[in-house]
């Protein structure tokens, strides 16, 4: 508990990180409770209210089919935030595993794993995700897999670098000297000590995953109509940039706010886990 209190104390010093945490937490809660807090049915078509500007009835206006934009943003958060979380879970679990075995065992294992990672990293993330989802087909589940695969190489590189650094510590050598098996050393002595940089990167990667998923949905490869999703809402609004600017503006601002907040959280975690800051 004392360590957790110290963590909260150091994190609270970064006002931007605290603000980012509040924004992300609020968006998560609003998305979970979207069925309760949203003012309208997100998929109910009302042609008589098509492309109505922001008003007291529709604070974010309506889309070309008369659907309430605010309600669709709240429900769309369920998909967009879920994609970001699941994609990070996929890329993080596989990437960390590869980084652990590569960094710990070294030698031929390290060479084989890192060459495979180099192949993944040779493709820009969005292009790799686009390739995967093109093979698997459109759909939100396939987008999660595609975006997750595109981030494996980055997690693997980060985990390997952290493992190589931790492996050189005396307590790892001591564990080997007393005969601890390799799985126990990895799980008890190495994995907990590479957690801080991995957690920090995971928050930054979540922001990238949300943007990548929105990009794929913008191209029509993600969530399919009539499902509400931030990227698909942007795609729909591009045809009404002048006559219905709000159709694009508010989903775009939502993506900006969430991704910026996740980056602020990542910056806050980086400062908390910075060894130099701990000695202050």
C-alpha atoms as a PDB file:
ATOM      1  CA  UNK A   1       0.000   0.000   0.000  1.00  0.00           C
ATOM      2  CA  UNK A   2       2.834   2.377   0.780  1.00  0.00           C
ATOM      3  CA  UNK A   3       4.354   1.824  -2.641  1.00  0.00           C
ATOM      4  CA  UNK A   4       1.008   2.424  -4.308  1.00  0.00           C
ATOM      5  CA  UNK A   5       0.537   5.633  -2.315  1.00  0.00           C
ATOM      6  CA  UNK A   6       3.980   6.818  -3.438  1.00  0.00           C
ATOM      7  CA  UNK A   7       3.051   5.989  -7.027  1.00  0.00           C
ATOM      8  CA  UNK A   8      -0.148   8.028  -6.769  1.00  0.00           C
ATOM      9  CA  UNK A   9       1.746  10.912  -5.168  1.00  0.00           C
ATOM     10  CA  UNK A  10       4.306  11.065  -7.969  1.00  0.00           C
ATOM     11  CA  UNK A  11       1.640  10.650 -10.640  1.00  0.00           C
ATOM     12  CA  UNK A  12      -0.519  13.412  -9.154  1.00  0.00           C
ATOM     13  CA  UNK A  13       2.322  15.902  -9.587  1.00  0.00           C
ATOM     14  CA  UNK A  14       1.762  15.774 -13.335  1.00  0.00           C
ATOM     15  CA  UNK A  15      -1.441  17.756 -13.849  1.00  0.00           C
ATOM     16  CA  UNK A  16      -1.609  16.904 -17.530  1.00  0.00           C
ATOM     17  CA  UNK A  17      -1.443  13.178 -16.764  1.00  0.00           C
ATOM     18  CA  UNK A  18      -4.218  13.546 -14.176  1.00  0.00           C
ATOM     19  CA  UNK A  19      -6.372  15.412 -16.667  1.00  0.00           C
ATOM     20  CA  UNK A  20      -5.730  12.739 -19.284  1.00  0.00           C
ATOM     21  CA  UNK A  21      -6.728  10.015 -16.834  1.00  0.00           C
ATOM     22  CA  UNK A  22      -9.970  11.823 -16.005  1.00  0.00           C
ATOM     23  CA  UNK A  23     -10.861  12.249 -19.687  1.00  0.00           C
ATOM     24  CA  UNK A  24     -10.166   8.609 -20.567  1.00  0.00           C
ATOM     25  CA  UNK A  25     -11.993   7.327 -17.481  1.00  0.00           C
ATOM     26  CA  UNK A  26     -14.989   9.555 -18.233  1.00  0.00           C
ATOM     27  CA  UNK A  27     -15.104   8.363 -21.843  1.00  0.00           C
ATOM     28  CA  UNK A  28     -14.941   4.726 -20.742  1.00  0.00           C
ATOM     29  CA  UNK A  29     -17.747   5.176 -18.211  1.00  0.00           C
ATOM     30  CA  UNK A  30     -19.909   7.125 -20.656  1.00  0.00           C
ATOM     31  CA  UNK A  31     -19.413   4.467 -23.316  1.00  0.00           C
ATOM     32  CA  UNK A  32     -20.311   1.671 -20.909  1.00  0.00           C
ATOM     33  CA  UNK A  33     -23.437   3.549 -19.817  1.00  0.00           C
ATOM     34  CA  UNK A  34     -24.238   4.798 -23.326  1.00  0.00           C
ATOM     35  CA  UNK A  35     -27.594   3.041 -23.381  1.00  0.00           C
ATOM     36  CA  UNK A  36     -28.597   5.010 -20.289  1.00  0.00           C
ATOM     37  CA  UNK A  37     -27.001   8.430 -20.820  1.00  0.00           C
ATOM     38  CA  UNK A  38     -27.360   8.852 -24.596  1.00  0.00           C
ATOM     39  CA  UNK A  39     -30.372  11.048 -25.424  1.00  0.00           C
ATOM     40  CA  UNK A  40     -31.476   9.075 -28.517  1.00  0.00           C
ATOM     41  CA  UNK A  41     -31.256   5.697 -30.175  1.00  0.00           C
ATOM     42  CA  UNK A  42     -27.969   5.848 -32.124  1.00  0.00           C
ATOM     43  CA  UNK A  43     -29.349   3.880 -35.082  1.00  0.00           C
ATOM     44  CA  UNK A  44     -32.831   5.360 -35.334  1.00  0.00           C
ATOM     45  CA  UNK A  45     -33.268   7.072 -38.696  1.00  0.00           C
ATOM     46  CA  UNK A  46     -35.274  10.295 -38.771  1.00  0.00           C
ATOM     47  CA  UNK A  47     -35.154  11.904 -42.261  1.00  0.00           C
ATOM     48  CA  UNK A  48     -37.018  14.984 -41.076  1.00  0.00           C
ATOM     49  CA  UNK A  49     -34.086  15.854 -38.806  1.00  0.00           C
ATOM     50  CA  UNK A  50     -31.297  15.117 -41.297  1.00  0.00           C
ATOM     51  CA  UNK A  51     -28.235  17.370 -41.032  1.00  0.00           C
ATOM     52  CA  UNK A  52     -29.628  19.504 -38.243  1.00  0.00           C
ATOM     53  CA  UNK A  53     -26.957  21.692 -36.680  1.00  0.00           C
ATOM     54  CA  UNK A  54     -26.016  21.662 -32.984  1.00  0.00           C
ATOM     55  CA  UNK A  55     -28.954  22.650 -30.772  1.00  0.00           C
ATOM     56  CA  UNK A  56     -30.313  22.074 -27.287  1.00  0.00           C
ATOM     57  CA  UNK A  57     -32.109  18.960 -28.559  1.00  0.00           C
ATOM     58  CA  UNK A  58     -29.114  17.648 -30.495  1.00  0.00           C
ATOM     59  CA  UNK A  59     -25.969  19.178 -28.901  1.00  0.00           C
ATOM     60  CA  UNK A  60     -23.702  17.675 -31.581  1.00  0.00           C
ATOM     61  CA  UNK A  61     -26.239  17.923 -34.406  1.00  0.00           C
ATOM     62  CA  UNK A  62     -27.513  15.061 -36.547  1.00  0.00           C
ATOM     63  CA  UNK A  63     -26.060  13.077 -39.442  1.00  0.00           C
ATOM     64  CA  UNK A  64     -27.444  12.774 -43.021  1.00  0.00           C
ATOM     65  CA  UNK A  65     -29.913  10.123 -41.836  1.00  0.00           C
ATOM     66  CA  UNK A  66     -31.179  12.197 -38.944  1.00  0.00           C
ATOM     67  CA  UNK A  67     -29.400  10.171 -36.246  1.00  0.00           C
ATOM     68  CA  UNK A  68     -28.171  11.999 -33.167  1.00  0.00           C
ATOM     69  CA  UNK A  69     -24.394  12.506 -33.389  1.00  0.00           C
ATOM     70  CA  UNK A  70     -23.834  12.655 -29.620  1.00  0.00           C
ATOM     71  CA  UNK A  71     -25.614   9.337 -29.101  1.00  0.00           C
ATOM     72  CA  UNK A  72     -23.581   7.729 -31.867  1.00  0.00           C
ATOM     73  CA  UNK A  73     -20.326   9.048 -30.405  1.00  0.00           C
ATOM     74  CA  UNK A  74     -21.160   7.605 -26.998  1.00  0.00           C
ATOM     75  CA  UNK A  75     -22.097   4.212 -28.428  1.00  0.00           C
ATOM     76  CA  UNK A  76     -19.168   4.347 -30.840  1.00  0.00           C
ATOM     77  CA  UNK A  77     -16.827   4.639 -27.884  1.00  0.00           C
ATOM     78  CA  UNK A  78     -17.638   1.044 -27.000  1.00  0.00           C
ATOM     79  CA  UNK A  79     -16.170  -0.133 -30.290  1.00  0.00           C
ATOM     80  CA  UNK A  80     -13.275   2.317 -30.614  1.00  0.00           C
ATOM     81  CA  UNK A  81     -12.068   1.925 -27.020  1.00  0.00           C
ATOM     82  CA  UNK A  82     -12.529  -1.845 -27.144  1.00  0.00           C
ATOM     83  CA  UNK A  83     -10.446  -2.041 -30.317  1.00  0.00           C
ATOM     84  CA  UNK A  84      -7.671  -0.041 -28.671  1.00  0.00           C
ATOM     85  CA  UNK A  85      -7.689  -2.235 -25.559  1.00  0.00           C
ATOM     86  CA  UNK A  86      -7.929  -5.597 -27.313  1.00  0.00           C
ATOM     87  CA  UNK A  87      -5.324  -4.643 -29.908  1.00  0.00           C
ATOM     88  CA  UNK A  88      -2.845  -3.677 -27.181  1.00  0.00           C
ATOM     89  CA  UNK A  89      -3.632  -6.912 -25.343  1.00  0.00           C
ATOM     90  CA  UNK A  90      -2.893  -8.945 -28.482  1.00  0.00           C
ATOM     91  CA  UNK A  91       0.276  -7.105 -29.490  1.00  0.00           C
ATOM     92  CA  UNK A  92       1.487  -6.769 -25.901  1.00  0.00           C
ATOM     93  CA  UNK A  93       1.066 -10.409 -24.896  1.00  0.00           C
ATOM     94  CA  UNK A  94       2.704 -11.789 -28.044  1.00  0.00           C
ATOM     95  CA  UNK A  95       5.364  -9.083 -28.254  1.00  0.00           C
ATOM     96  CA  UNK A  96       6.360  -9.351 -24.594  1.00  0.00           C
ATOM     97  CA  UNK A  97       6.599 -13.143 -24.858  1.00  0.00           C
ATOM     98  CA  UNK A  98       8.861 -12.865 -27.901  1.00  0.00           C
ATOM     99  CA  UNK A  99      10.949 -10.177 -26.220  1.00  0.00           C
ATOM    100  CA  UNK A 100      11.344 -12.266 -23.065  1.00  0.00           C
ATOM    101  CA  UNK A 101      12.595 -15.404 -24.778  1.00  0.00           C
ATOM    102  CA  UNK A 102      14.742 -13.435 -27.202  1.00  0.00           C
ATOM    103  CA  UNK A 103      16.411 -11.249 -24.605  1.00  0.00           C
ATOM    104  CA  UNK A 104      16.812 -13.943 -21.958  1.00  0.00           C
ATOM    105  CA  UNK A 105      18.119 -16.864 -24.011  1.00  0.00           C
ATOM    106  CA  UNK A 106      19.994 -14.834 -26.629  1.00  0.00           C
ATOM    107  CA  UNK A 107      22.102 -16.587 -29.252  1.00  0.00           C
ATOM    108  CA  UNK A 108      20.308 -18.301 -32.114  1.00  0.00           C
ATOM    109  CA  UNK A 109      16.902 -17.814 -30.465  1.00  0.00           C
ATOM    110  CA  UNK A 110      17.519 -14.082 -30.283  1.00  0.00           C
ATOM    111  CA  UNK A 111      18.644 -13.937 -33.903  1.00  0.00           C
ATOM    112  CA  UNK A 112      15.630 -15.842 -35.241  1.00  0.00           C
ATOM    113  CA  UNK A 113      13.052 -13.886 -33.228  1.00  0.00           C
ATOM    114  CA  UNK A 114      14.570 -10.502 -33.971  1.00  0.00           C
ATOM    115  CA  UNK A 115      14.810 -11.185 -37.698  1.00  0.00           C
ATOM    116  CA  UNK A 116      11.122 -12.042 -37.697  1.00  0.00           C
ATOM    117  CA  UNK A 117      10.447  -8.844 -35.746  1.00  0.00           C
ATOM    118  CA  UNK A 118      12.515  -6.879 -38.265  1.00  0.00           C
ATOM    119  CA  UNK A 119      10.225  -8.142 -41.008  1.00  0.00           C
ATOM    120  CA  UNK A 120       7.186  -6.876 -39.082  1.00  0.00           C
ATOM    121  CA  UNK A 121       8.830  -3.537 -38.387  1.00  0.00           C
ATOM    122  CA  UNK A 122       9.772  -3.101 -42.045  1.00  0.00           C
ATOM    123  CA  UNK A 123       6.086  -2.386 -42.736  1.00  0.00           C
ATOM    124  CA  UNK A 124       4.481   0.829 -41.456  1.00  0.00           C
ATOM    125  CA  UNK A 125       1.930  -0.123 -38.800  1.00  0.00           C
ATOM    126  CA  UNK A 126      -1.109   1.137 -40.682  1.00  0.00           C
ATOM    127  CA  UNK A 127      -0.037  -0.597 -43.911  1.00  0.00           C
ATOM    128  CA  UNK A 128       0.549  -3.874 -42.085  1.00  0.00           C
ATOM    129  CA  UNK A 129      -2.867  -3.587 -40.419  1.00  0.00           C
ATOM    130  CA  UNK A 130      -4.422  -2.786 -43.792  1.00  0.00           C
ATOM    131  CA  UNK A 131      -2.768  -5.869 -45.315  1.00  0.00           C
ATOM    132  CA  UNK A 132      -3.990  -8.152 -42.535  1.00  0.00           C
ATOM    133  CA  UNK A 133      -7.562  -6.878 -42.538  1.00  0.00           C
ATOM    134  CA  UNK A 134      -7.634  -7.106 -46.326  1.00  0.00           C
ATOM    135  CA  UNK A 135      -6.753 -10.795 -46.024  1.00  0.00           C
ATOM    136  CA  UNK A 136      -9.149 -11.522 -43.147  1.00  0.00           C
ATOM    137  CA  UNK A 137     -11.964  -9.365 -44.483  1.00  0.00           C
ATOM    138  CA  UNK A 138     -13.764  -6.313 -43.078  1.00  0.00           C
ATOM    139  CA  UNK A 139     -15.225  -6.373 -39.600  1.00  0.00           C
ATOM    140  CA  UNK A 140     -14.448  -5.027 -36.171  1.00  0.00           C
ATOM    141  CA  UNK A 141     -13.055  -8.332 -34.849  1.00  0.00           C
ATOM    142  CA  UNK A 142     -10.653  -8.589 -37.775  1.00  0.00           C
ATOM    143  CA  UNK A 143      -9.615  -4.965 -37.196  1.00  0.00           C
ATOM    144  CA  UNK A 144      -8.695  -5.856 -33.605  1.00  0.00           C
ATOM    145  CA  UNK A 145      -6.506  -8.695 -34.859  1.00  0.00           C
ATOM    146  CA  UNK A 146      -4.962  -6.592 -37.610  1.00  0.00           C
ATOM    147  CA  UNK A 147      -4.107  -3.649 -35.365  1.00  0.00           C
ATOM    148  CA  UNK A 148      -2.836  -6.055 -32.711  1.00  0.00           C
ATOM    149  CA  UNK A 149      -0.498  -7.800 -35.157  1.00  0.00           C
ATOM    150  CA  UNK A 150       0.842  -4.458 -36.377  1.00  0.00           C
ATOM    151  CA  UNK A 151       2.089  -3.617 -32.879  1.00  0.00           C
ATOM    152  CA  UNK A 152       3.812  -6.905 -32.016  1.00  0.00           C
ATOM    153  CA  UNK A 153       7.225  -5.838 -33.319  1.00  0.00           C
ATOM    154  CA  UNK A 154       7.372  -2.679 -31.233  1.00  0.00           C
ATOM    155  CA  UNK A 155       6.467  -4.504 -28.023  1.00  0.00           C
ATOM    156  CA  UNK A 156       8.988  -7.245 -28.790  1.00  0.00           C
ATOM    157  CA  UNK A 157      11.804  -4.740 -29.352  1.00  0.00           C
ATOM    158  CA  UNK A 158      10.993  -2.849 -26.177  1.00  0.00           C
ATOM    159  CA  UNK A 159      10.670  -6.002 -24.068  1.00  0.00           C
ATOM    160  CA  UNK A 160      13.924  -7.447 -25.398  1.00  0.00           C
ATOM    161  CA  UNK A 161      15.864  -4.279 -24.611  1.00  0.00           C
ATOM    162  CA  UNK A 162      14.445  -4.208 -21.085  1.00  0.00           C
ATOM    163  CA  UNK A 163      15.173  -7.919 -20.534  1.00  0.00           C
ATOM    164  CA  UNK A 164      18.793  -7.545 -21.641  1.00  0.00           C
ATOM    165  CA  UNK A 165      19.220  -4.712 -19.167  1.00  0.00           C
ATOM    166  CA  UNK A 166      17.523  -6.514 -16.266  1.00  0.00           C
ATOM    167  CA  UNK A 167      19.292  -9.809 -16.985  1.00  0.00           C
ATOM    168  CA  UNK A 168      22.643  -8.194 -16.176  1.00  0.00           C
ATOM    169  CA  UNK A 169      21.627  -7.481 -12.558  1.00  0.00           C
ATOM    170  CA  UNK A 170      23.165  -9.442  -9.691  1.00  0.00           C
ATOM    171  CA  UNK A 171      19.879 -10.856  -8.389  1.00  0.00           C
ATOM    172  CA  UNK A 172      19.340 -12.668 -11.682  1.00  0.00           C
ATOM    173  CA  UNK A 173      22.826 -14.149 -11.490  1.00  0.00           C
ATOM    174  CA  UNK A 174      22.164 -15.126  -7.862  1.00  0.00           C
ATOM    175  CA  UNK A 175      18.922 -16.860  -8.855  1.00  0.00           C
ATOM    176  CA  UNK A 176      20.794 -18.834 -11.477  1.00  0.00           C
ATOM    177  CA  UNK A 177      23.532 -19.732  -8.993  1.00  0.00           C
ATOM    178  CA  UNK A 178      21.064 -21.291  -6.548  1.00  0.00           C
ATOM    179  CA  UNK A 179      19.537 -23.361  -9.331  1.00  0.00           C
ATOM    180  CA  UNK A 180      16.303 -21.512 -10.098  1.00  0.00           C
ATOM    181  CA  UNK A 181      14.776 -22.819 -13.336  1.00  0.00           C
ATOM    182  CA  UNK A 182      14.574 -20.419 -16.253  1.00  0.00           C
ATOM    183  CA  UNK A 183      10.747 -20.083 -16.216  1.00  0.00           C
ATOM    184  CA  UNK A 184      10.855 -19.062 -12.559  1.00  0.00           C
ATOM    185  CA  UNK A 185      13.615 -16.509 -13.172  1.00  0.00           C
ATOM    186  CA  UNK A 186      11.700 -15.023 -16.088  1.00  0.00           C
ATOM    187  CA  UNK A 187       8.373 -14.822 -14.259  1.00  0.00           C
ATOM    188  CA  UNK A 188       9.595 -13.835 -10.793  1.00  0.00           C
ATOM    189  CA  UNK A 189      12.688 -11.733 -11.412  1.00  0.00           C
ATOM    190  CA  UNK A 190      12.611 -10.361 -14.959  1.00  0.00           C
ATOM    191  CA  UNK A 191       8.981  -9.852 -15.962  1.00  0.00           C
ATOM    192  CA  UNK A 192       8.033  -7.648 -12.963  1.00  0.00           C
ATOM    193  CA  UNK A 193      11.053  -5.429 -13.607  1.00  0.00           C
ATOM    194  CA  UNK A 194      10.274  -4.798 -17.261  1.00  0.00           C
ATOM    195  CA  UNK A 195       6.649  -3.957 -16.450  1.00  0.00           C
ATOM    196  CA  UNK A 196       7.099  -0.158 -16.007  1.00  0.00           C
ATOM    197  CA  UNK A 197       8.407   0.643 -19.510  1.00  0.00           C
ATOM    198  CA  UNK A 198       5.998  -1.838 -21.072  1.00  0.00           C
ATOM    199  CA  UNK A 199       3.021  -0.287 -19.259  1.00  0.00           C
ATOM    200  CA  UNK A 200       4.080   3.184 -20.342  1.00  0.00           C
ATOM    201  CA  UNK A 201       4.402   2.099 -23.948  1.00  0.00           C
ATOM    202  CA  UNK A 202       1.060   0.263 -23.789  1.00  0.00           C
ATOM    203  CA  UNK A 203      -0.796   3.520 -23.077  1.00  0.00           C
ATOM    204  CA  UNK A 204       0.912   5.191 -26.032  1.00  0.00           C
ATOM    205  CA  UNK A 205       0.220   2.169 -28.227  1.00  0.00           C
ATOM    206  CA  UNK A 206      -3.466   2.241 -27.221  1.00  0.00           C
ATOM    207  CA  UNK A 207      -3.723   5.751 -28.663  1.00  0.00           C
ATOM    208  CA  UNK A 208      -2.076   4.598 -31.893  1.00  0.00           C
ATOM    209  CA  UNK A 209      -4.389   1.578 -32.047  1.00  0.00           C
ATOM    210  CA  UNK A 210      -7.486   3.753 -31.762  1.00  0.00           C
ATOM    211  CA  UNK A 211      -6.250   5.943 -34.615  1.00  0.00           C
ATOM    212  CA  UNK A 212      -5.368   2.901 -36.748  1.00  0.00           C
ATOM    213  CA  UNK A 213      -8.767   1.326 -36.132  1.00  0.00           C
ATOM    214  CA  UNK A 214     -10.504   4.601 -36.989  1.00  0.00           C
ATOM    215  CA  UNK A 215      -8.430   4.806 -40.181  1.00  0.00           C
ATOM    216  CA  UNK A 216      -9.474   1.306 -41.231  1.00  0.00           C
ATOM    217  CA  UNK A 217     -13.121   2.081 -40.479  1.00  0.00           C
ATOM    218  CA  UNK A 218     -12.739   5.318 -42.434  1.00  0.00           C
ATOM    219  CA  UNK A 219     -11.766   3.159 -45.422  1.00  0.00           C
ATOM    220  CA  UNK A 220     -14.773   0.895 -44.876  1.00  0.00           C
ATOM    221  CA  UNK A 221     -12.798  -2.071 -43.491  1.00  0.00           C
ATOM    222  CA  UNK A 222     -13.820  -1.754 -39.847  1.00  0.00           C
ATOM    223  CA  UNK A 223     -17.224  -1.471 -38.228  1.00  0.00           C
ATOM    224  CA  UNK A 224     -19.980  -1.964 -40.776  1.00  0.00           C
ATOM    225  CA  UNK A 225     -23.198   0.102 -40.998  1.00  0.00           C
ATOM    226  CA  UNK A 226     -25.307   0.804 -39.081  1.00  0.00           C
ATOM    227  CA  UNK A 227     -22.867   0.305 -36.182  1.00  0.00           C
ATOM    228  CA  UNK A 228     -21.633   3.554 -34.661  1.00  0.00           C
ATOM    229  CA  UNK A 229     -17.841   3.911 -34.732  1.00  0.00           C
ATOM    230  CA  UNK A 230     -15.755   7.081 -34.704  1.00  0.00           C
ATOM    231  CA  UNK A 231     -13.810   6.320 -37.872  1.00  0.00           C
ATOM    232  CA  UNK A 232     -16.890   5.372 -39.886  1.00  0.00           C
ATOM    233  CA  UNK A 233     -18.615   8.543 -38.661  1.00  0.00           C
ATOM    234  CA  UNK A 234     -15.697  10.560 -40.015  1.00  0.00           C
ATOM    235  CA  UNK A 235     -15.961   8.733 -43.312  1.00  0.00           C
ATOM    236  CA  UNK A 236     -19.660   9.523 -43.570  1.00  0.00           C
ATOM    237  CA  UNK A 237     -19.159  13.162 -42.689  1.00  0.00           C
ATOM    238  CA  UNK A 238     -16.502  13.844 -45.329  1.00  0.00           C
ATOM    239  CA  UNK A 239     -19.219  14.155 -47.956  1.00  0.00           C
ATOM    240  CA  UNK A 240     -20.900  16.900 -45.946  1.00  0.00           C
ATOM    241  CA  UNK A 241     -17.861  18.927 -44.957  1.00  0.00           C
ATOM    242  CA  UNK A 242     -19.485  22.265 -45.816  1.00  0.00           C
ATOM    243  CA  UNK A 243     -23.203  21.546 -45.394  1.00  0.00           C
ATOM    244  CA  UNK A 244     -22.812  19.520 -42.179  1.00  0.00           C
ATOM    245  CA  UNK A 245     -19.397  20.239 -40.666  1.00  0.00           C
ATOM    246  CA  UNK A 246     -20.491  18.917 -37.266  1.00  0.00           C
ATOM    247  CA  UNK A 247     -20.818  15.366 -38.633  1.00  0.00           C
ATOM    248  CA  UNK A 248     -17.014  15.206 -38.951  1.00  0.00           C
ATOM    249  CA  UNK A 249     -15.978  17.716 -36.304  1.00  0.00           C
ATOM    250  CA  UNK A 250     -17.281  16.075 -33.150  1.00  0.00           C
ATOM    251  CA  UNK A 251     -16.121  12.484 -33.854  1.00  0.00           C
ATOM    252  CA  UNK A 252     -12.741  13.928 -34.862  1.00  0.00           C
ATOM    253  CA  UNK A 253     -12.507  15.957 -31.652  1.00  0.00           C
ATOM    254  CA  UNK A 254     -13.434  12.861 -29.653  1.00  0.00           C
ATOM    255  CA  UNK A 255     -10.618  10.854 -31.232  1.00  0.00           C
ATOM    256  CA  UNK A 256      -8.243  13.758 -30.622  1.00  0.00           C
ATOM    257  CA  UNK A 257      -9.263  14.110 -26.974  1.00  0.00           C
ATOM    258  CA  UNK A 258      -8.941  10.394 -26.191  1.00  0.00           C
ATOM    259  CA  UNK A 259      -5.624   9.855 -27.981  1.00  0.00           C
ATOM    260  CA  UNK A 260      -4.136  13.026 -26.519  1.00  0.00           C
ATOM    261  CA  UNK A 261      -5.269  11.971 -23.052  1.00  0.00           C
ATOM    262  CA  UNK A 262      -3.687   8.528 -23.470  1.00  0.00           C
ATOM    263  CA  UNK A 263      -0.421  10.185 -24.471  1.00  0.00           C
ATOM    264  CA  UNK A 264      -0.601  12.412 -21.395  1.00  0.00           C
ATOM    265  CA  UNK A 265      -1.126   9.319 -19.245  1.00  0.00           C
ATOM    266  CA  UNK A 266       1.910   7.731 -20.868  1.00  0.00           C
ATOM    267  CA  UNK A 267       4.014  10.810 -20.171  1.00  0.00           C
ATOM    268  CA  UNK A 268       2.884  10.735 -16.551  1.00  0.00           C
ATOM    269  CA  UNK A 269       3.803   7.075 -16.153  1.00  0.00           C
ATOM    270  CA  UNK A 270       7.186   7.698 -17.751  1.00  0.00           C
ATOM    271  CA  UNK A 271       7.941  10.405 -15.219  1.00  0.00           C
ATOM    272  CA  UNK A 272       6.799   8.191 -12.332  1.00  0.00           C
ATOM    273  CA  UNK A 273       9.038   5.315 -13.389  1.00  0.00           C
ATOM    274  CA  UNK A 274      12.002   7.504 -14.324  1.00  0.00           C
ATOM    275  CA  UNK A 275      14.850   6.392 -12.013  1.00  0.00           C
ATOM    276  CA  UNK A 276      16.285   9.922 -11.887  1.00  0.00           C
ATOM    277  CA  UNK A 277      12.928  11.257 -10.707  1.00  0.00           C
ATOM    278  CA  UNK A 278      12.768   8.607  -7.987  1.00  0.00           C
ATOM    279  CA  UNK A 279      16.002   9.838  -6.484  1.00  0.00           C
ATOM    280  CA  UNK A 280      14.728  13.414  -6.235  1.00  0.00           C
END
